[in-house]
Amino acid sequence: MADTNNSRVIYFPVGVRNGTIIAGNNTAGVTSTQLSFPRSVYFDSISNSIIIANSASRNVVRWSIGASNWTLLAGDFGGAGGTASNRFAYPSDVILDPMGNMYVADRSNHRVQFFISGEMNGSTIAGFTGVNGSNASLFSFPTGIALDNQLNLYVSDYSNHRIQKFLRY
């Protein structure tokens, strides 16, 4: 679970009320041992790690289970945001497809970025960078994303109060 305001990720085993901190150190920051307002967590069973939308640091990171630090997957190491293909303005969700490609809801850039597995430069596959709106091709703060078993993309469009479906990319 992303414990956003405490800048950490907590694991709650089934039937246990008290969680264990598995990422972050309760202090917001941009070093590789800190998180800064993580918004979502995706468990990658292949690498036994969690992928974190590290929102206020404006990056997406991988934290291997049992490790004391993260590695950068996309965005900036020091927390600088932007609109370039390798930058974010508050990423809010991250998922992987079965091939290891990464999808990131880039909340304040009003877009969804697609990253081919292992690449740090993405491409916009939904929305338009920096443009918000309410027509079918625009978002107003996308916050959540999901893929179905046919790899259709679903995007939770926060300020427009809707979920949009995009056919397989």
C-alpha atoms as a PDB file:
ATOM      1  CA  MET A   1       0.000   0.000   0.000  1.00  0.00           C
ATOM      2  CA  ALA A   2       1.264   3.450  -0.898  1.00  0.00           C
ATOM      3  CA  ASP A   3       1.191   5.467   2.334  1.00  0.00           C
ATOM      4  CA  THR A   4       1.320   8.733   0.413  1.00  0.00           C
ATOM      5  CA  ASN A   5       1.455  11.329   3.182  1.00  0.00           C
ATOM      6  CA  ASN A   6       4.107   9.381   5.106  1.00  0.00           C
ATOM      7  CA  SER A   7       6.245   8.862   1.973  1.00  0.00           C
ATOM      8  CA  ARG A   8       6.509   5.106   2.337  1.00  0.00           C
ATOM      9  CA  VAL A   9       5.091   1.792   1.138  1.00  0.00           C
ATOM     10  CA  ILE A  10       3.649  -0.635   3.687  1.00  0.00           C
ATOM     11  CA  TYR A  11       2.997  -4.363   3.328  1.00  0.00           C
ATOM     12  CA  PHE A  12       0.048  -5.924   5.166  1.00  0.00           C
ATOM     13  CA  PRO A  13       0.076  -9.752   5.122  1.00  0.00           C
ATOM     14  CA  VAL A  14      -3.362 -11.393   5.075  1.00  0.00           C
ATOM     15  CA  GLY A  15      -4.895 -11.358   8.552  1.00  0.00           C
ATOM     16  CA  VAL A  16      -2.294  -8.984  10.028  1.00  0.00           C
ATOM     17  CA  ARG A  17      -3.357  -5.550  11.285  1.00  0.00           C
ATOM     18  CA  ASN A  18       0.084  -3.970  11.609  1.00  0.00           C
ATOM     19  CA  GLY A  19       1.977  -3.434   8.396  1.00  0.00           C
ATOM     20  CA  THR A  20       5.684  -3.529   7.679  1.00  0.00           C
ATOM     21  CA  ILE A  21       7.482  -0.707   5.885  1.00  0.00           C
ATOM     22  CA  ILE A  22       9.051  -2.157   2.732  1.00  0.00           C
ATOM     23  CA  ALA A  23      10.033   1.055   0.909  1.00  0.00           C
ATOM     24  CA  GLY A  24      10.853   4.570   2.025  1.00  0.00           C
ATOM     25  CA  ASN A  25      11.945   5.831   5.402  1.00  0.00           C
ATOM     26  CA  ASN A  26       9.053   8.045   6.576  1.00  0.00           C
ATOM     27  CA  THR A  27      10.838  11.187   5.358  1.00  0.00           C
ATOM     28  CA  ALA A  28       9.967  12.750   2.011  1.00  0.00           C
ATOM     29  CA  GLY A  29      12.978  13.306  -0.216  1.00  0.00           C
ATOM     30  CA  VAL A  30      14.639  12.645  -3.547  1.00  0.00           C
ATOM     31  CA  THR A  31      17.514  10.363  -2.544  1.00  0.00           C
ATOM     32  CA  SER A  32      17.399   6.701  -3.541  1.00  0.00           C
ATOM     33  CA  THR A  33      16.464   5.682   0.019  1.00  0.00           C
ATOM     34  CA  GLN A  34      13.496   8.057   0.177  1.00  0.00           C
ATOM     35  CA  LEU A  35      10.119   8.400  -1.463  1.00  0.00           C
ATOM     36  CA  SER A  36       8.173  11.601  -1.895  1.00  0.00           C
ATOM     37  CA  PHE A  37       4.409  11.178  -1.789  1.00  0.00           C
ATOM     38  CA  PRO A  38       4.161   7.806  -3.568  1.00  0.00           C
ATOM     39  CA  ARG A  39       0.734   7.516  -5.217  1.00  0.00           C
ATOM     40  CA  SER A  40       0.596   3.906  -6.399  1.00  0.00           C
ATOM     41  CA  VAL A  41       2.397   0.591  -6.180  1.00  0.00           C
ATOM     42  CA  TYR A  42       2.549  -2.220  -8.752  1.00  0.00           C
ATOM     43  CA  PHE A  43       4.006  -5.601  -7.719  1.00  0.00           C
ATOM     44  CA  ASP A  44       6.246  -7.112 -10.396  1.00  0.00           C
ATOM     45  CA  SER A  45       6.427 -10.829  -9.601  1.00  0.00           C
ATOM     46  CA  ILE A  46       9.047 -11.486 -12.277  1.00  0.00           C
ATOM     47  CA  SER A  47      11.629  -9.272 -10.557  1.00  0.00           C
ATOM     48  CA  ASN A  48      10.170  -9.616  -7.025  1.00  0.00           C
ATOM     49  CA  SER A  49       9.990  -5.859  -6.754  1.00  0.00           C
ATOM     50  CA  ILE A  50       7.491  -3.048  -6.544  1.00  0.00           C
ATOM     51  CA  ILE A  51       7.169  -0.299  -9.123  1.00  0.00           C
ATOM     52  CA  ILE A  52       6.251   3.004  -7.471  1.00  0.00           C
ATOM     53  CA  ALA A  53       4.707   6.158  -8.950  1.00  0.00           C
ATOM     54  CA  ASN A  54       6.823   8.477  -6.807  1.00  0.00           C
ATOM     55  CA  SER A  55       4.650  11.517  -7.377  1.00  0.00           C
ATOM     56  CA  ALA A  56       6.358  14.521  -5.764  1.00  0.00           C
ATOM     57  CA  SER A  57       9.779  13.300  -6.922  1.00  0.00           C
ATOM     58  CA  ARG A  58       8.300  13.183 -10.421  1.00  0.00           C
ATOM     59  CA  ASN A  59       9.668   9.749 -11.216  1.00  0.00           C
ATOM     60  CA  VAL A  60       8.850   6.051 -11.358  1.00  0.00           C
ATOM     61  CA  VAL A  61      11.150   3.757  -9.415  1.00  0.00           C
ATOM     62  CA  ARG A  62      11.719   0.047  -8.787  1.00  0.00           C
ATOM     63  CA  TRP A  63      12.258  -1.074  -5.195  1.00  0.00           C
ATOM     64  CA  SER A  64      13.325  -4.718  -4.928  1.00  0.00           C
ATOM     65  CA  ILE A  65      11.766  -6.535  -1.986  1.00  0.00           C
ATOM     66  CA  GLY A  66      14.269  -6.499   0.882  1.00  0.00           C
ATOM     67  CA  ALA A  67      16.394  -3.710  -0.630  1.00  0.00           C
ATOM     68  CA  SER A  68      17.155  -0.428   1.117  1.00  0.00           C
ATOM     69  CA  ASN A  69      16.952   1.769  -1.981  1.00  0.00           C
ATOM     70  CA  TRP A  70      15.327   2.144  -5.381  1.00  0.00           C
ATOM     71  CA  THR A  71      16.504   2.282  -8.982  1.00  0.00           C
ATOM     72  CA  LEU A  72      15.152   4.813 -11.428  1.00  0.00           C
ATOM     73  CA  LEU A  73      12.896   3.523 -14.232  1.00  0.00           C
ATOM     74  CA  ALA A  74      11.670   6.828 -15.677  1.00  0.00           C
ATOM     75  CA  GLY A  75      11.668  10.494 -14.797  1.00  0.00           C
ATOM     76  CA  ASP A  76      14.316  12.515 -13.026  1.00  0.00           C
ATOM     77  CA  PHE A  77      16.573  11.352 -10.188  1.00  0.00           C
ATOM     78  CA  GLY A  78      16.474  14.760  -8.484  1.00  0.00           C
ATOM     79  CA  GLY A  79      12.762  15.486  -8.745  1.00  0.00           C
ATOM     80  CA  ALA A  80      12.730  17.910 -11.672  1.00  0.00           C
ATOM     81  CA  GLY A  81       9.507  17.651 -13.613  1.00  0.00           C
ATOM     82  CA  GLY A  82       8.660  18.609 -17.148  1.00  0.00           C
ATOM     83  CA  THR A  83       6.811  17.806 -20.328  1.00  0.00           C
ATOM     84  CA  ALA A  84       9.539  15.970 -22.265  1.00  0.00           C
ATOM     85  CA  SER A  85       9.055  12.275 -23.069  1.00  0.00           C
ATOM     86  CA  ASN A  86      11.309  11.309 -20.155  1.00  0.00           C
ATOM     87  CA  ARG A  87       9.778  13.682 -17.553  1.00  0.00           C
ATOM     88  CA  PHE A  88       6.620  13.766 -15.448  1.00  0.00           C
ATOM     89  CA  ALA A  89       4.438  16.266 -13.670  1.00  0.00           C
ATOM     90  CA  TYR A  90       3.221  14.185 -10.723  1.00  0.00           C
ATOM     91  CA  PRO A  91       2.884  10.572 -11.899  1.00  0.00           C
ATOM     92  CA  SER A  92      -0.122   9.048 -10.162  1.00  0.00           C
ATOM     93  CA  ASP A  93      -0.269   5.417 -11.307  1.00  0.00           C
ATOM     94  CA  VAL A  94       1.929   2.820 -12.985  1.00  0.00           C
ATOM     95  CA  ILE A  95       1.294  -0.650 -14.420  1.00  0.00           C
ATOM     96  CA  LEU A  96       3.193  -3.163 -16.529  1.00  0.00           C
ATOM     97  CA  ASP A  97       1.834  -5.291 -19.347  1.00  0.00           C
ATOM     98  CA  PRO A  98       2.824  -8.985 -19.740  1.00  0.00           C
ATOM     99  CA  MET A  99       5.796  -7.980 -21.931  1.00  0.00           C
ATOM    100  CA  GLY A 100       7.203  -5.685 -19.239  1.00  0.00           C
ATOM    101  CA  ASN A 101       6.219  -2.456 -20.985  1.00  0.00           C
ATOM    102  CA  MET A 102       5.275   0.322 -18.565  1.00  0.00           C
ATOM    103  CA  TYR A 103       2.263   2.656 -18.603  1.00  0.00           C
ATOM    104  CA  VAL A 104       2.256   5.771 -16.421  1.00  0.00           C
ATOM    105  CA  ALA A 105      -0.625   8.131 -15.639  1.00  0.00           C
ATOM    106  CA  ASP A 106       1.116  11.524 -15.710  1.00  0.00           C
ATOM    107  CA  ARG A 107      -1.459  13.462 -13.708  1.00  0.00           C
ATOM    108  CA  SER A 108      -0.540  17.128 -14.158  1.00  0.00           C
ATOM    109  CA  ASN A 109       0.644  16.672 -17.752  1.00  0.00           C
ATOM    110  CA  HIS A 110      -2.838  15.259 -18.529  1.00  0.00           C
ATOM    111  CA  ARG A 111      -1.496  12.228 -20.387  1.00  0.00           C
ATOM    112  CA  VAL A 112      -0.608   8.543 -20.251  1.00  0.00           C
ATOM    113  CA  GLN A 113       2.985   7.699 -21.156  1.00  0.00           C
ATOM    114  CA  PHE A 114       4.057   4.330 -22.594  1.00  0.00           C
ATOM    115  CA  PHE A 115       7.592   3.025 -22.033  1.00  0.00           C
ATOM    116  CA  ILE A 116       8.944   0.035 -23.918  1.00  0.00           C
ATOM    117  CA  SER A 117      10.554  -2.372 -21.460  1.00  0.00           C
ATOM    118  CA  GLY A 118      13.974  -1.072 -20.422  1.00  0.00           C
ATOM    119  CA  GLU A 119      13.568   2.344 -22.075  1.00  0.00           C
ATOM    120  CA  MET A 120      13.596   5.648 -20.178  1.00  0.00           C
ATOM    121  CA  ASN A 121      11.977   7.725 -22.929  1.00  0.00           C
ATOM    122  CA  GLY A 122       8.276   7.233 -23.345  1.00  0.00           C
ATOM    123  CA  SER A 123       5.608   8.205 -25.811  1.00  0.00           C
ATOM    124  CA  THR A 124       2.220   9.729 -25.150  1.00  0.00           C
ATOM    125  CA  ILE A 125      -0.503   7.211 -25.985  1.00  0.00           C
ATOM    126  CA  ALA A 126      -3.509   9.003 -24.486  1.00  0.00           C
ATOM    127  CA  GLY A 127      -4.187  12.669 -23.832  1.00  0.00           C
ATOM    128  CA  PHE A 128      -2.080  15.616 -24.970  1.00  0.00           C
ATOM    129  CA  THR A 129       0.897  16.847 -22.991  1.00  0.00           C
ATOM    130  CA  GLY A 130      -0.030  19.832 -20.857  1.00  0.00           C
ATOM    131  CA  VAL A 131      -3.520  20.212 -22.353  1.00  0.00           C
ATOM    132  CA  ASN A 132      -6.532  19.443 -20.204  1.00  0.00           C
ATOM    133  CA  GLY A 133     -10.101  19.243 -21.343  1.00  0.00           C
ATOM    134  CA  SER A 134     -13.234  17.169 -21.454  1.00  0.00           C
ATOM    135  CA  ASN A 135     -13.519  15.885 -25.021  1.00  0.00           C
ATOM    136  CA  ALA A 136     -12.803  12.230 -25.820  1.00  0.00           C
ATOM    137  CA  SER A 137      -9.103  12.796 -26.539  1.00  0.00           C
ATOM    138  CA  LEU A 138      -8.294  14.937 -23.479  1.00  0.00           C
ATOM    139  CA  PHE A 139      -7.989  14.371 -19.730  1.00  0.00           C
ATOM    140  CA  SER A 140      -8.251  16.543 -16.701  1.00  0.00           C
ATOM    141  CA  PHE A 141      -5.881  14.944 -14.212  1.00  0.00           C
ATOM    142  CA  PRO A 142      -5.728  11.217 -15.064  1.00  0.00           C
ATOM    143  CA  THR A 143      -5.144   9.405 -11.788  1.00  0.00           C
ATOM    144  CA  GLY A 144      -5.580   5.679 -12.327  1.00  0.00           C
ATOM    145  CA  ILE A 145      -4.914   3.209 -15.129  1.00  0.00           C
ATOM    146  CA  ALA A 146      -5.645  -0.466 -15.770  1.00  0.00           C
ATOM    147  CA  LEU A 147      -5.269  -2.987 -18.570  1.00  0.00           C
ATOM    148  CA  ASP A 148      -7.715  -5.783 -19.335  1.00  0.00           C
ATOM    149  CA  ASN A 149      -6.708  -9.214 -20.653  1.00  0.00           C
ATOM    150  CA  GLN A 150      -6.822  -7.888 -24.242  1.00  0.00           C
ATOM    151  CA  LEU A 151      -4.506  -4.990 -23.271  1.00  0.00           C
ATOM    152  CA  ASN A 152      -7.188  -2.335 -23.647  1.00  0.00           C
ATOM    153  CA  LEU A 153      -6.306   0.654 -21.471  1.00  0.00           C
ATOM    154  CA  TYR A 154      -8.720   2.160 -18.940  1.00  0.00           C
ATOM    155  CA  VAL A 155      -7.995   5.610 -17.547  1.00  0.00           C
ATOM    156  CA  SER A 156      -9.630   7.213 -14.534  1.00  0.00           C
ATOM    157  CA  ASP A 157     -10.077  10.869 -15.517  1.00  0.00           C
ATOM    158  CA  TYR A 158     -10.388  12.590 -12.138  1.00  0.00           C
ATOM    159  CA  SER A 159     -11.732  16.071 -12.834  1.00  0.00           C
ATOM    160  CA  ASN A 160     -13.973  14.880 -15.673  1.00  0.00           C
ATOM    161  CA  HIS A 161     -15.557  12.238 -13.397  1.00  0.00           C
ATOM    162  CA  ARG A 162     -15.225   9.432 -15.932  1.00  0.00           C
ATOM    163  CA  ILE A 163     -13.303   6.352 -16.949  1.00  0.00           C
ATOM    164  CA  GLN A 164     -12.170   6.187 -20.564  1.00  0.00           C
ATOM    165  CA  LYS A 165     -11.354   3.045 -22.516  1.00  0.00           C
ATOM    166  CA  PHE A 166      -8.682   3.001 -25.210  1.00  0.00           C
ATOM    167  CA  LEU A 167      -8.350   0.024 -27.502  1.00  0.00           C
ATOM    168  CA  ARG A 168      -5.105  -1.930 -27.404  1.00  0.00           C
ATOM    169  CA  TYR A 169      -2.128   0.248 -28.226  1.00  0.00           C
END
